[in-house]
């Protein structure tokens, strides 16, 4: 694989000094920041090649179907920020949960108790208490329904027992962090050897 590495590479001369070696005839070429993250590009290319044109059309249709299905089911419990058909993602607002003292961050923390990685919250910035959900094309209907049912349960908990949502998570090793302090004064350590 060495002959195919991106160029230039650092090479060592006989006298011990180093230099940029551009003479790599089998190299894949130069990799620049302009072309983005090379690893992501390889993954995207592999995904495209794996599915081919017909497969890409099918997975795109499924992503759109999944997003619209979820948005429709969650609409009675969360405000839909941009009503109508959506593409592969949709944006909800947890604004109406605020009357019970529950914020979108609380909903995200509560999802952890059910084993779900929370969706993006607070983006886009122009949607108050934003929740951006992007279901993938590969999730089964059962998985989508499980997530939807959990989101509905959390909305009902916010109304009936808001303290349950506000004090979440309960099942994680680390409970609520002071996220502002963690962002401004991170304490990082590594015990790797």
N, C-alpha and C. Protein backbone atom coordinates (compact mmCIF):
# COMPACT_ATOMS: atom_id res chain seq x y z
N UNK A 1 0.82 -1.20 0.00
CA UNK A 1 0.00 0.00 0.00
C UNK A 1 0.86 1.27 0.00
N UNK A 2 2.12 1.18 0.45
CA UNK A 2 2.97 2.36 0.57
C UNK A 2 3.11 3.11 -0.75
N UNK A 3 3.27 2.43 -1.89
CA UNK A 3 3.41 3.18 -3.14
C UNK A 3 2.19 4.04 -3.49
N UNK A 4 1.02 3.69 -2.92
CA UNK A 4 -0.21 4.38 -3.27
C UNK A 4 -0.58 5.50 -2.31
N UNK A 5 0.21 5.72 -1.26
CA UNK A 5 -0.09 6.77 -0.29
C UNK A 5 -0.16 8.13 -0.95
N UNK A 6 -0.95 9.05 -0.39
CA UNK A 6 -0.98 10.40 -0.93
C UNK A 6 0.42 11.01 -0.91
N UNK A 7 0.68 11.90 -1.84
CA UNK A 7 1.99 12.54 -1.88
C UNK A 7 1.84 14.02 -1.58
N UNK A 8 2.87 14.67 -1.10
CA UNK A 8 4.20 14.13 -0.82
C UNK A 8 4.22 13.40 0.51
N UNK A 9 5.25 12.58 0.70
CA UNK A 9 5.47 11.96 1.99
C UNK A 9 6.84 12.40 2.49
N UNK A 10 7.01 12.33 3.78
CA UNK A 10 8.31 12.69 4.36
C UNK A 10 9.23 11.49 4.21
N UNK A 11 10.36 11.72 3.59
CA UNK A 11 11.35 10.66 3.41
C UNK A 11 12.67 11.10 4.03
N UNK A 12 13.53 10.13 4.28
CA UNK A 12 14.82 10.39 4.93
C UNK A 12 15.95 10.15 3.95
N UNK A 13 16.85 11.11 3.87
CA UNK A 13 18.03 10.96 3.01
C UNK A 13 19.09 10.13 3.74
N UNK A 14 20.11 9.70 2.99
CA UNK A 14 21.19 8.90 3.57
C UNK A 14 21.95 9.66 4.65
N UNK A 15 22.01 11.00 4.52
CA UNK A 15 22.74 11.80 5.52
C UNK A 15 21.90 12.05 6.78
N UNK A 16 20.67 11.52 6.81
CA UNK A 16 19.83 11.65 7.99
C UNK A 16 18.85 12.82 7.93
N UNK A 17 18.96 13.67 6.94
CA UNK A 17 18.02 14.79 6.81
C UNK A 17 16.73 14.30 6.16
N UNK A 18 15.69 15.09 6.33
CA UNK A 18 14.37 14.73 5.81
C UNK A 18 13.99 15.65 4.66
N UNK A 19 13.10 15.17 3.79
CA UNK A 19 12.63 15.98 2.66
C UNK A 19 11.24 15.50 2.25
N UNK A 20 10.54 16.36 1.48
CA UNK A 20 9.24 16.00 0.93
C UNK A 20 9.47 15.23 -0.36
N UNK A 21 8.99 14.00 -0.43
CA UNK A 21 9.17 13.15 -1.60
C UNK A 21 7.93 13.23 -2.49
N UNK A 22 8.06 13.91 -3.63
CA UNK A 22 6.97 14.04 -4.58
C UNK A 22 7.03 12.98 -5.68
N UNK A 23 8.16 12.29 -5.77
CA UNK A 23 8.35 11.31 -6.82
C UNK A 23 7.69 9.98 -6.43
N UNK A 24 6.38 9.92 -6.59
CA UNK A 24 5.58 8.76 -6.20
C UNK A 24 4.64 8.43 -7.37
N UNK A 25 5.12 7.76 -8.40
CA UNK A 25 4.32 7.55 -9.61
C UNK A 25 3.01 6.78 -9.40
N UNK A 26 2.92 5.94 -8.38
CA UNK A 26 1.69 5.16 -8.14
C UNK A 26 0.79 5.81 -7.09
N UNK A 27 1.16 6.96 -6.59
CA UNK A 27 0.39 7.65 -5.54
C UNK A 27 -1.01 7.99 -6.03
N UNK A 28 -1.95 8.04 -5.10
CA UNK A 28 -3.30 8.48 -5.44
C UNK A 28 -3.34 9.99 -5.65
N UNK A 29 -2.23 10.65 -5.37
CA UNK A 29 -2.15 12.10 -5.57
C UNK A 29 -2.14 12.84 -4.27
N UNK A 30 -2.27 14.12 -4.38
CA UNK A 30 -2.23 15.00 -3.22
C UNK A 30 -3.61 15.07 -2.58
N UNK A 31 -3.69 15.02 -1.28
CA UNK A 31 -4.94 15.16 -0.55
C UNK A 31 -4.89 16.52 0.14
N UNK A 32 -5.84 17.36 -0.17
CA UNK A 32 -5.86 18.72 0.36
C UNK A 32 -7.11 18.92 1.21
N UNK A 33 -7.04 19.89 2.09
CA UNK A 33 -8.22 20.26 2.89
C UNK A 33 -9.34 20.74 1.98
N UNK A 34 -9.01 21.29 0.83
CA UNK A 34 -10.00 21.77 -0.12
C UNK A 34 -10.98 20.67 -0.50
N UNK A 35 -10.51 19.45 -0.57
CA UNK A 35 -11.37 18.34 -0.95
C UNK A 35 -12.13 17.75 0.23
N UNK A 36 -12.01 18.34 1.39
CA UNK A 36 -12.74 17.87 2.55
C UNK A 36 -12.01 16.75 3.27
N UNK A 37 -12.75 16.09 4.13
CA UNK A 37 -12.19 15.01 4.93
C UNK A 37 -12.11 13.75 4.07
N UNK A 38 -10.92 13.30 3.80
CA UNK A 38 -10.69 12.18 2.89
C UNK A 38 -11.44 10.92 3.35
N UNK A 39 -11.41 10.63 4.64
CA UNK A 39 -12.10 9.44 5.15
C UNK A 39 -13.60 9.47 4.88
N UNK A 40 -14.20 10.63 5.04
CA UNK A 40 -15.64 10.77 4.78
C UNK A 40 -15.92 10.58 3.29
N UNK A 41 -15.04 11.13 2.46
CA UNK A 41 -15.23 10.98 1.02
C UNK A 41 -15.14 9.51 0.60
N UNK A 42 -14.22 8.77 1.20
CA UNK A 42 -14.11 7.34 0.88
C UNK A 42 -15.37 6.61 1.32
N UNK A 43 -15.87 6.94 2.49
CA UNK A 43 -17.11 6.29 2.97
C UNK A 43 -18.28 6.59 2.03
N UNK A 44 -18.41 7.86 1.65
CA UNK A 44 -19.51 8.25 0.75
C UNK A 44 -19.38 7.53 -0.59
N UNK A 45 -18.19 7.48 -1.13
CA UNK A 45 -17.96 6.80 -2.41
C UNK A 45 -18.30 5.30 -2.29
N UNK A 46 -17.89 4.69 -1.20
CA UNK A 46 -18.18 3.27 -0.98
C UNK A 46 -19.69 3.04 -0.88
N UNK A 47 -20.37 3.93 -0.17
CA UNK A 47 -21.83 3.82 -0.03
C UNK A 47 -22.50 3.91 -1.40
N UNK A 48 -22.07 4.88 -2.19
CA UNK A 48 -22.64 5.07 -3.53
C UNK A 48 -22.38 3.84 -4.40
N UNK A 49 -21.17 3.34 -4.38
CA UNK A 49 -20.82 2.17 -5.19
C UNK A 49 -21.56 0.92 -4.71
N UNK A 50 -21.77 0.81 -3.40
CA UNK A 50 -22.46 -0.36 -2.85
C UNK A 50 -23.90 -0.44 -3.34
N UNK A 51 -24.61 0.70 -3.31
CA UNK A 51 -26.03 0.69 -3.67
C UNK A 51 -26.27 0.86 -5.16
N UNK A 52 -25.42 1.56 -5.84
CA UNK A 52 -25.65 1.81 -7.27
C UNK A 52 -26.82 2.76 -7.47
N UNK A 53 -27.10 3.14 -8.71
CA UNK A 53 -28.15 4.14 -8.98
C UNK A 53 -29.53 3.73 -8.50
N UNK A 54 -29.93 2.48 -8.76
CA UNK A 54 -31.26 2.04 -8.34
C UNK A 54 -31.36 1.93 -6.82
N UNK A 55 -30.31 1.42 -6.21
CA UNK A 55 -30.30 1.30 -4.75
C UNK A 55 -30.30 2.66 -4.06
N UNK A 56 -29.58 3.63 -4.62
CA UNK A 56 -29.58 4.98 -4.04
C UNK A 56 -30.95 5.61 -4.10
N UNK A 57 -31.64 5.40 -5.20
CA UNK A 57 -33.00 5.94 -5.32
C UNK A 57 -33.89 5.31 -4.23
N UNK A 58 -33.76 4.00 -4.04
CA UNK A 58 -34.59 3.30 -3.05
C UNK A 58 -34.29 3.76 -1.63
N UNK A 59 -33.01 3.86 -1.26
CA UNK A 59 -32.70 4.28 0.10
C UNK A 59 -33.08 5.74 0.32
N UNK A 60 -33.01 6.57 -0.71
CA UNK A 60 -33.45 7.96 -0.59
C UNK A 60 -34.95 8.03 -0.35
N UNK A 61 -35.70 7.21 -1.08
CA UNK A 61 -37.15 7.16 -0.88
C UNK A 61 -37.49 6.71 0.54
N UNK A 62 -36.75 5.72 1.04
CA UNK A 62 -37.00 5.23 2.40
C UNK A 62 -36.67 6.29 3.45
N UNK A 63 -35.60 7.04 3.25
CA UNK A 63 -35.23 8.10 4.20
C UNK A 63 -36.34 9.15 4.26
N UNK A 64 -36.88 9.52 3.11
CA UNK A 64 -37.96 10.51 3.07
C UNK A 64 -39.23 9.94 3.70
N UNK A 65 -39.54 8.70 3.38
CA UNK A 65 -40.72 8.05 3.96
C UNK A 65 -40.60 7.97 5.49
N UNK A 66 -39.46 7.54 5.99
CA UNK A 66 -39.24 7.43 7.43
C UNK A 66 -39.39 8.77 8.13
N UNK A 67 -38.81 9.81 7.56
CA UNK A 67 -38.88 11.14 8.18
C UNK A 67 -40.31 11.64 8.23
N UNK A 68 -41.05 11.50 7.14
CA UNK A 68 -42.44 11.97 7.12
C UNK A 68 -43.34 11.15 8.03
N UNK A 69 -43.09 9.86 8.12
CA UNK A 69 -43.85 8.99 9.03
C UNK A 69 -43.64 9.43 10.48
N UNK A 70 -42.39 9.63 10.85
CA UNK A 70 -42.10 10.04 12.22
C UNK A 70 -42.67 11.41 12.53
N UNK A 71 -42.50 12.35 11.60
CA UNK A 71 -43.00 13.71 11.82
C UNK A 71 -44.52 13.69 12.03
N UNK A 72 -45.23 12.92 11.21
CA UNK A 72 -46.68 12.83 11.32
C UNK A 72 -47.11 12.26 12.68
N UNK A 73 -46.42 11.22 13.13
CA UNK A 73 -46.78 10.60 14.42
C UNK A 73 -46.46 11.49 15.61
N UNK A 74 -45.38 12.29 15.51
CA UNK A 74 -44.97 13.14 16.64
C UNK A 74 -45.66 14.50 16.66
N UNK A 75 -46.31 14.88 15.57
CA UNK A 75 -46.94 16.20 15.46
C UNK A 75 -47.94 16.52 16.57
N UNK A 76 -48.73 15.57 17.06
CA UNK A 76 -49.66 15.92 18.14
C UNK A 76 -48.97 16.23 19.48
N UNK A 77 -47.72 15.86 19.63
CA UNK A 77 -47.03 15.99 20.91
C UNK A 77 -45.96 17.07 20.93
N UNK A 78 -45.42 17.38 19.76
CA UNK A 78 -44.39 18.41 19.62
C UNK A 78 -44.79 19.30 18.45
N UNK A 79 -44.48 20.55 18.54
CA UNK A 79 -44.78 21.47 17.45
C UNK A 79 -43.86 21.17 16.26
N UNK A 80 -44.42 21.05 15.07
CA UNK A 80 -43.62 20.86 13.86
C UNK A 80 -43.20 22.24 13.38
N UNK A 81 -41.91 22.48 13.34
CA UNK A 81 -41.40 23.81 13.01
C UNK A 81 -41.69 24.20 11.57
N UNK A 82 -41.61 23.26 10.67
CA UNK A 82 -41.85 23.52 9.25
C UNK A 82 -42.85 22.51 8.73
N UNK A 83 -44.16 22.82 8.85
CA UNK A 83 -45.19 21.86 8.44
C UNK A 83 -45.12 21.55 6.94
N UNK A 84 -45.69 20.43 6.57
CA UNK A 84 -45.69 20.00 5.18
C UNK A 84 -44.75 18.83 5.01
N UNK A 85 -44.59 18.39 3.80
CA UNK A 85 -43.70 17.27 3.53
C UNK A 85 -42.26 17.67 3.78
N UNK A 86 -41.51 16.74 4.31
CA UNK A 86 -40.09 16.99 4.55
C UNK A 86 -39.27 16.04 3.71
N UNK A 87 -38.00 16.27 3.68
CA UNK A 87 -37.10 15.37 2.95
C UNK A 87 -36.61 14.30 3.92
N UNK A 88 -35.34 14.20 4.18
CA UNK A 88 -34.78 13.13 5.00
C UNK A 88 -34.72 13.47 6.48
N UNK A 89 -35.05 14.70 6.85
CA UNK A 89 -35.03 15.11 8.26
C UNK A 89 -36.18 16.08 8.50
N UNK A 90 -36.49 16.28 9.76
CA UNK A 90 -37.53 17.24 10.10
C UNK A 90 -37.19 17.89 11.42
N UNK A 91 -37.81 19.04 11.66
CA UNK A 91 -37.50 19.83 12.85
C UNK A 91 -38.76 19.98 13.68
N UNK A 92 -38.64 19.59 14.94
CA UNK A 92 -39.70 19.80 15.92
C UNK A 92 -39.28 20.91 16.86
N UNK A 93 -40.25 21.40 17.61
CA UNK A 93 -39.95 22.35 18.67
C UNK A 93 -40.58 21.83 19.95
N UNK A 94 -39.82 21.87 21.03
CA UNK A 94 -40.33 21.50 22.34
C UNK A 94 -40.87 22.70 23.09
N UNK A 95 -41.18 23.77 22.36
CA UNK A 95 -41.63 25.03 22.97
C UNK A 95 -42.82 24.85 23.91
N UNK A 96 -43.78 24.02 23.53
CA UNK A 96 -44.97 23.89 24.39
C UNK A 96 -44.67 23.11 25.68
N UNK A 97 -43.55 22.40 25.75
CA UNK A 97 -43.18 21.71 26.99
C UNK A 97 -42.65 22.69 28.04
N UNK A 98 -42.26 23.88 27.58
CA UNK A 98 -41.71 24.88 28.51
C UNK A 98 -42.73 25.30 29.57
N UNK A 99 -44.01 25.21 29.25
CA UNK A 99 -45.03 25.59 30.24
C UNK A 99 -45.01 24.66 31.45
N UNK A 100 -44.41 23.49 31.29
CA UNK A 100 -44.26 22.55 32.41
C UNK A 100 -42.86 22.62 33.02
N UNK A 101 -42.06 23.54 32.50
CA UNK A 101 -40.69 23.70 32.99
C UNK A 101 -39.69 22.77 32.32
N UNK A 102 -40.10 22.09 31.26
CA UNK A 102 -39.25 21.13 30.57
C UNK A 102 -38.65 21.78 29.33
N UNK A 103 -37.34 21.59 29.16
CA UNK A 103 -36.63 22.13 28.00
C UNK A 103 -36.25 20.98 27.06
N UNK A 104 -35.86 21.35 25.88
CA UNK A 104 -35.42 20.35 24.90
C UNK A 104 -34.22 19.56 25.42
N UNK A 105 -33.33 20.23 26.13
CA UNK A 105 -32.19 19.53 26.71
C UNK A 105 -32.66 18.43 27.66
N UNK A 106 -33.73 18.69 28.41
CA UNK A 106 -34.29 17.68 29.32
C UNK A 106 -34.81 16.47 28.53
N UNK A 107 -35.46 16.74 27.41
CA UNK A 107 -35.96 15.65 26.56
C UNK A 107 -34.79 14.81 26.07
N UNK A 108 -33.72 15.49 25.63
CA UNK A 108 -32.54 14.78 25.14
C UNK A 108 -31.93 13.91 26.23
N UNK A 109 -31.84 14.45 27.44
CA UNK A 109 -31.28 13.67 28.57
C UNK A 109 -32.18 12.49 28.91
N UNK A 110 -33.48 12.67 28.83
CA UNK A 110 -34.41 11.59 29.15
C UNK A 110 -34.31 10.46 28.12
N UNK A 111 -34.06 10.81 26.86
CA UNK A 111 -33.90 9.77 25.83
C UNK A 111 -32.76 8.81 26.17
N UNK A 112 -31.74 9.31 26.86
CA UNK A 112 -30.62 8.45 27.26
C UNK A 112 -31.08 7.29 28.14
N UNK A 113 -32.08 7.54 28.97
CA UNK A 113 -32.60 6.49 29.86
C UNK A 113 -33.23 5.33 29.09
N UNK A 114 -33.62 5.60 27.85
CA UNK A 114 -34.25 4.56 27.04
C UNK A 114 -33.28 3.97 26.03
N UNK A 115 -32.01 4.37 26.12
CA UNK A 115 -31.00 3.82 25.24
C UNK A 115 -30.89 4.48 23.88
N UNK A 116 -31.47 5.67 23.73
CA UNK A 116 -31.39 6.38 22.45
C UNK A 116 -30.38 7.51 22.53
N UNK A 117 -29.58 7.61 21.49
CA UNK A 117 -28.70 8.77 21.37
C UNK A 117 -29.59 9.93 20.97
N UNK A 118 -29.54 11.03 21.71
CA UNK A 118 -30.47 12.14 21.41
C UNK A 118 -30.21 12.75 20.04
N UNK A 119 -31.27 13.24 19.41
CA UNK A 119 -31.09 13.96 18.15
C UNK A 119 -30.45 15.33 18.40
N UNK A 120 -30.15 16.01 17.33
CA UNK A 120 -29.58 17.35 17.43
C UNK A 120 -30.60 18.28 18.07
N UNK A 121 -30.15 19.02 19.07
CA UNK A 121 -31.04 19.99 19.71
C UNK A 121 -30.45 21.38 19.54
N UNK A 122 -31.32 22.36 19.54
CA UNK A 122 -30.95 23.77 19.42
C UNK A 122 -30.30 24.10 18.09
N UNK A 123 -30.60 23.38 17.04
CA UNK A 123 -30.17 23.74 15.70
C UNK A 123 -31.23 23.24 14.74
N UNK A 124 -31.76 24.03 13.86
CA UNK A 124 -31.33 25.38 13.53
C UNK A 124 -31.64 26.38 14.65
N UNK A 125 -30.84 27.41 14.69
CA UNK A 125 -30.92 28.37 15.78
C UNK A 125 -32.18 29.22 15.76
N UNK A 126 -32.87 29.27 14.64
CA UNK A 126 -34.07 30.11 14.56
C UNK A 126 -35.33 29.38 15.01
N UNK A 127 -35.21 28.15 15.51
CA UNK A 127 -36.36 27.41 16.04
C UNK A 127 -36.15 27.26 17.54
N UNK A 128 -37.06 27.85 18.30
CA UNK A 128 -36.96 27.77 19.76
C UNK A 128 -37.15 26.33 20.23
N UNK A 129 -36.28 25.88 21.14
CA UNK A 129 -36.34 24.52 21.69
C UNK A 129 -36.36 23.48 20.57
N UNK A 130 -35.46 23.63 19.66
CA UNK A 130 -35.39 22.81 18.45
C UNK A 130 -34.98 21.37 18.73
N UNK A 131 -35.57 20.46 17.98
CA UNK A 131 -35.19 19.04 17.96
C UNK A 131 -35.17 18.64 16.49
N UNK A 132 -33.98 18.38 15.96
CA UNK A 132 -33.87 18.00 14.55
C UNK A 132 -33.67 16.48 14.49
N UNK A 133 -34.62 15.80 13.87
CA UNK A 133 -34.59 14.35 13.81
C UNK A 133 -34.34 13.92 12.37
N UNK A 134 -33.36 13.05 12.22
CA UNK A 134 -32.98 12.56 10.90
C UNK A 134 -32.91 11.04 10.95
N UNK A 135 -34.06 10.37 10.72
CA UNK A 135 -34.02 8.91 10.73
C UNK A 135 -33.28 8.41 9.50
N UNK A 136 -32.59 7.32 9.65
CA UNK A 136 -31.87 6.80 8.49
C UNK A 136 -32.78 5.91 7.67
N UNK A 137 -32.32 5.61 6.48
CA UNK A 137 -33.08 4.78 5.56
C UNK A 137 -33.05 3.31 5.94
N UNK A 138 -32.16 2.94 6.85
CA UNK A 138 -31.98 1.52 7.16
C UNK A 138 -32.72 1.08 8.43
N UNK A 139 -33.38 2.00 9.10
CA UNK A 139 -34.09 1.62 10.32
C UNK A 139 -35.39 0.90 9.99
N UNK A 140 -35.73 -0.09 10.79
CA UNK A 140 -36.98 -0.82 10.59
C UNK A 140 -38.14 0.00 11.14
N UNK A 141 -39.34 -0.34 10.74
CA UNK A 141 -40.53 0.35 11.26
C UNK A 141 -40.63 0.14 12.77
N UNK A 142 -40.23 -1.05 13.24
CA UNK A 142 -40.28 -1.33 14.68
C UNK A 142 -39.33 -0.39 15.45
N UNK A 143 -38.15 -0.16 14.91
CA UNK A 143 -37.20 0.74 15.56
C UNK A 143 -37.72 2.16 15.56
N UNK A 144 -38.28 2.59 14.43
CA UNK A 144 -38.84 3.94 14.34
C UNK A 144 -39.99 4.09 15.34
N UNK A 145 -40.87 3.09 15.40
CA UNK A 145 -42.00 3.15 16.33
C UNK A 145 -41.53 3.17 17.78
N UNK A 146 -40.47 2.43 18.08
CA UNK A 146 -39.94 2.45 19.45
C UNK A 146 -39.45 3.84 19.84
N UNK A 147 -38.74 4.50 18.95
CA UNK A 147 -38.26 5.86 19.23
C UNK A 147 -39.44 6.83 19.35
N UNK A 148 -40.40 6.71 18.43
CA UNK A 148 -41.58 7.59 18.47
C UNK A 148 -42.34 7.40 19.78
N UNK A 149 -42.57 6.15 20.16
CA UNK A 149 -43.30 5.88 21.41
C UNK A 149 -42.56 6.46 22.61
N UNK A 150 -41.25 6.41 22.59
CA UNK A 150 -40.47 6.98 23.69
C UNK A 150 -40.61 8.50 23.71
N UNK A 151 -40.56 9.13 22.54
CA UNK A 151 -40.73 10.59 22.47
C UNK A 151 -42.13 10.99 22.96
N UNK A 152 -43.14 10.20 22.62
CA UNK A 152 -44.50 10.48 23.09
C UNK A 152 -44.56 10.31 24.60
N UNK A 153 -43.96 9.24 25.13
CA UNK A 153 -43.95 9.03 26.58
C UNK A 153 -43.29 10.21 27.29
N UNK A 154 -42.18 10.70 26.75
CA UNK A 154 -41.49 11.83 27.37
C UNK A 154 -42.36 13.08 27.34
N UNK A 155 -43.08 13.32 26.24
CA UNK A 155 -43.98 14.48 26.17
C UNK A 155 -45.08 14.36 27.22
N UNK A 156 -45.60 13.14 27.42
CA UNK A 156 -46.64 12.93 28.44
C UNK A 156 -46.06 13.09 29.84
N UNK A 157 -44.85 12.59 30.06
CA UNK A 157 -44.19 12.78 31.36
C UNK A 157 -43.97 14.26 31.64
N UNK A 158 -43.61 15.02 30.62
CA UNK A 158 -43.39 16.46 30.80
C UNK A 158 -44.65 17.13 31.31
N UNK A 159 -45.79 16.67 30.86
CA UNK A 159 -47.07 17.25 31.27
C UNK A 159 -47.51 16.76 32.65
N UNK A 160 -47.32 15.48 32.94
CA UNK A 160 -47.86 14.91 34.18
C UNK A 160 -46.85 14.89 35.33
N UNK A 161 -45.61 14.54 35.03
CA UNK A 161 -44.56 14.48 36.06
C UNK A 161 -43.28 15.12 35.52
N UNK A 162 -43.28 16.44 35.35
CA UNK A 162 -42.15 17.11 34.71
C UNK A 162 -40.82 16.88 35.43
N UNK A 163 -40.85 16.66 36.73
CA UNK A 163 -39.59 16.45 37.46
C UNK A 163 -38.85 15.21 36.99
N UNK A 164 -39.60 14.21 36.49
CA UNK A 164 -38.96 13.00 35.97
C UNK A 164 -38.10 13.35 34.75
N UNK A 165 -38.60 14.22 33.90
CA UNK A 165 -37.87 14.61 32.70
C UNK A 165 -36.75 15.59 33.06
N UNK A 166 -37.06 16.53 33.92
CA UNK A 166 -36.08 17.58 34.27
C UNK A 166 -34.85 17.00 34.96
N UNK A 167 -35.01 15.94 35.73
CA UNK A 167 -33.88 15.36 36.47
C UNK A 167 -33.18 14.21 35.76
N UNK A 168 -33.61 13.90 34.55
CA UNK A 168 -32.98 12.82 33.78
C UNK A 168 -31.56 13.22 33.38
N UNK A 169 -30.70 12.27 33.14
CA UNK A 169 -30.90 10.83 33.03
C UNK A 169 -30.72 10.13 34.36
N UNK A 170 -31.28 8.94 34.45
CA UNK A 170 -31.21 8.13 35.66
C UNK A 170 -30.37 6.87 35.48
N UNK A 171 -30.24 6.40 34.25
CA UNK A 171 -29.61 5.11 34.01
C UNK A 171 -28.17 5.20 33.48
N UNK A 172 -27.66 6.40 33.30
CA UNK A 172 -26.30 6.56 32.78
C UNK A 172 -25.30 6.60 33.93
N UNK A 173 -24.06 6.26 33.62
CA UNK A 173 -23.01 6.26 34.64
C UNK A 173 -22.81 7.67 35.19
N UNK A 174 -22.78 8.64 34.30
CA UNK A 174 -22.64 10.04 34.70
C UNK A 174 -24.00 10.69 34.59
N UNK A 175 -24.41 11.38 35.63
CA UNK A 175 -25.72 12.04 35.62
C UNK A 175 -25.61 13.39 34.92
N UNK A 176 -26.42 14.36 35.27
CA UNK A 176 -26.40 15.67 34.64
C UNK A 176 -25.09 16.38 34.86
N UNK A 177 -24.52 16.83 33.77
CA UNK A 177 -23.29 17.61 33.86
C UNK A 177 -23.63 19.10 33.81
N UNK A 178 -22.76 19.90 34.37
CA UNK A 178 -22.86 21.34 34.17
C UNK A 178 -22.22 21.60 32.82
N UNK A 179 -23.03 21.62 31.78
CA UNK A 179 -22.50 21.67 30.43
C UNK A 179 -21.77 22.97 30.12
N UNK A 180 -22.20 24.07 30.72
CA UNK A 180 -21.52 25.34 30.48
C UNK A 180 -20.10 25.29 31.03
N UNK A 181 -19.96 24.83 32.27
CA UNK A 181 -18.62 24.72 32.86
C UNK A 181 -17.79 23.70 32.11
N UNK A 182 -18.38 22.59 31.71
CA UNK A 182 -17.64 21.56 30.97
C UNK A 182 -17.12 22.11 29.65
N UNK A 183 -17.90 22.97 29.00
CA UNK A 183 -17.46 23.53 27.73
C UNK A 183 -16.39 24.60 27.93
N UNK A 184 -16.53 25.39 28.99
CA UNK A 184 -15.59 26.50 29.21
C UNK A 184 -14.32 26.08 29.95
N UNK A 185 -14.43 25.09 30.80
CA UNK A 185 -13.28 24.62 31.57
C UNK A 185 -13.20 23.10 31.51
N UNK A 186 -12.88 22.57 30.34
CA UNK A 186 -12.85 21.11 30.23
C UNK A 186 -11.73 20.50 31.06
N UNK A 187 -12.03 19.42 31.72
CA UNK A 187 -11.02 18.65 32.46
C UNK A 187 -10.84 17.36 31.67
N UNK A 188 -9.74 17.28 30.95
CA UNK A 188 -9.50 16.13 30.09
C UNK A 188 -8.32 15.35 30.64
N UNK A 189 -8.46 14.05 30.64
CA UNK A 189 -7.32 13.22 31.02
C UNK A 189 -7.42 11.92 30.25
N UNK A 190 -6.28 11.30 30.14
CA UNK A 190 -6.21 10.03 29.43
C UNK A 190 -5.31 9.11 30.21
N UNK A 191 -5.81 7.97 30.52
CA UNK A 191 -4.98 7.01 31.26
C UNK A 191 -4.46 5.94 30.32
N UNK A 192 -4.48 6.27 29.00
CA UNK A 192 -3.97 5.28 28.04
C UNK A 192 -2.44 5.18 28.16
N UNK A 193 -1.93 4.02 27.88
CA UNK A 193 -0.52 3.79 28.04
C UNK A 193 0.18 3.76 26.80
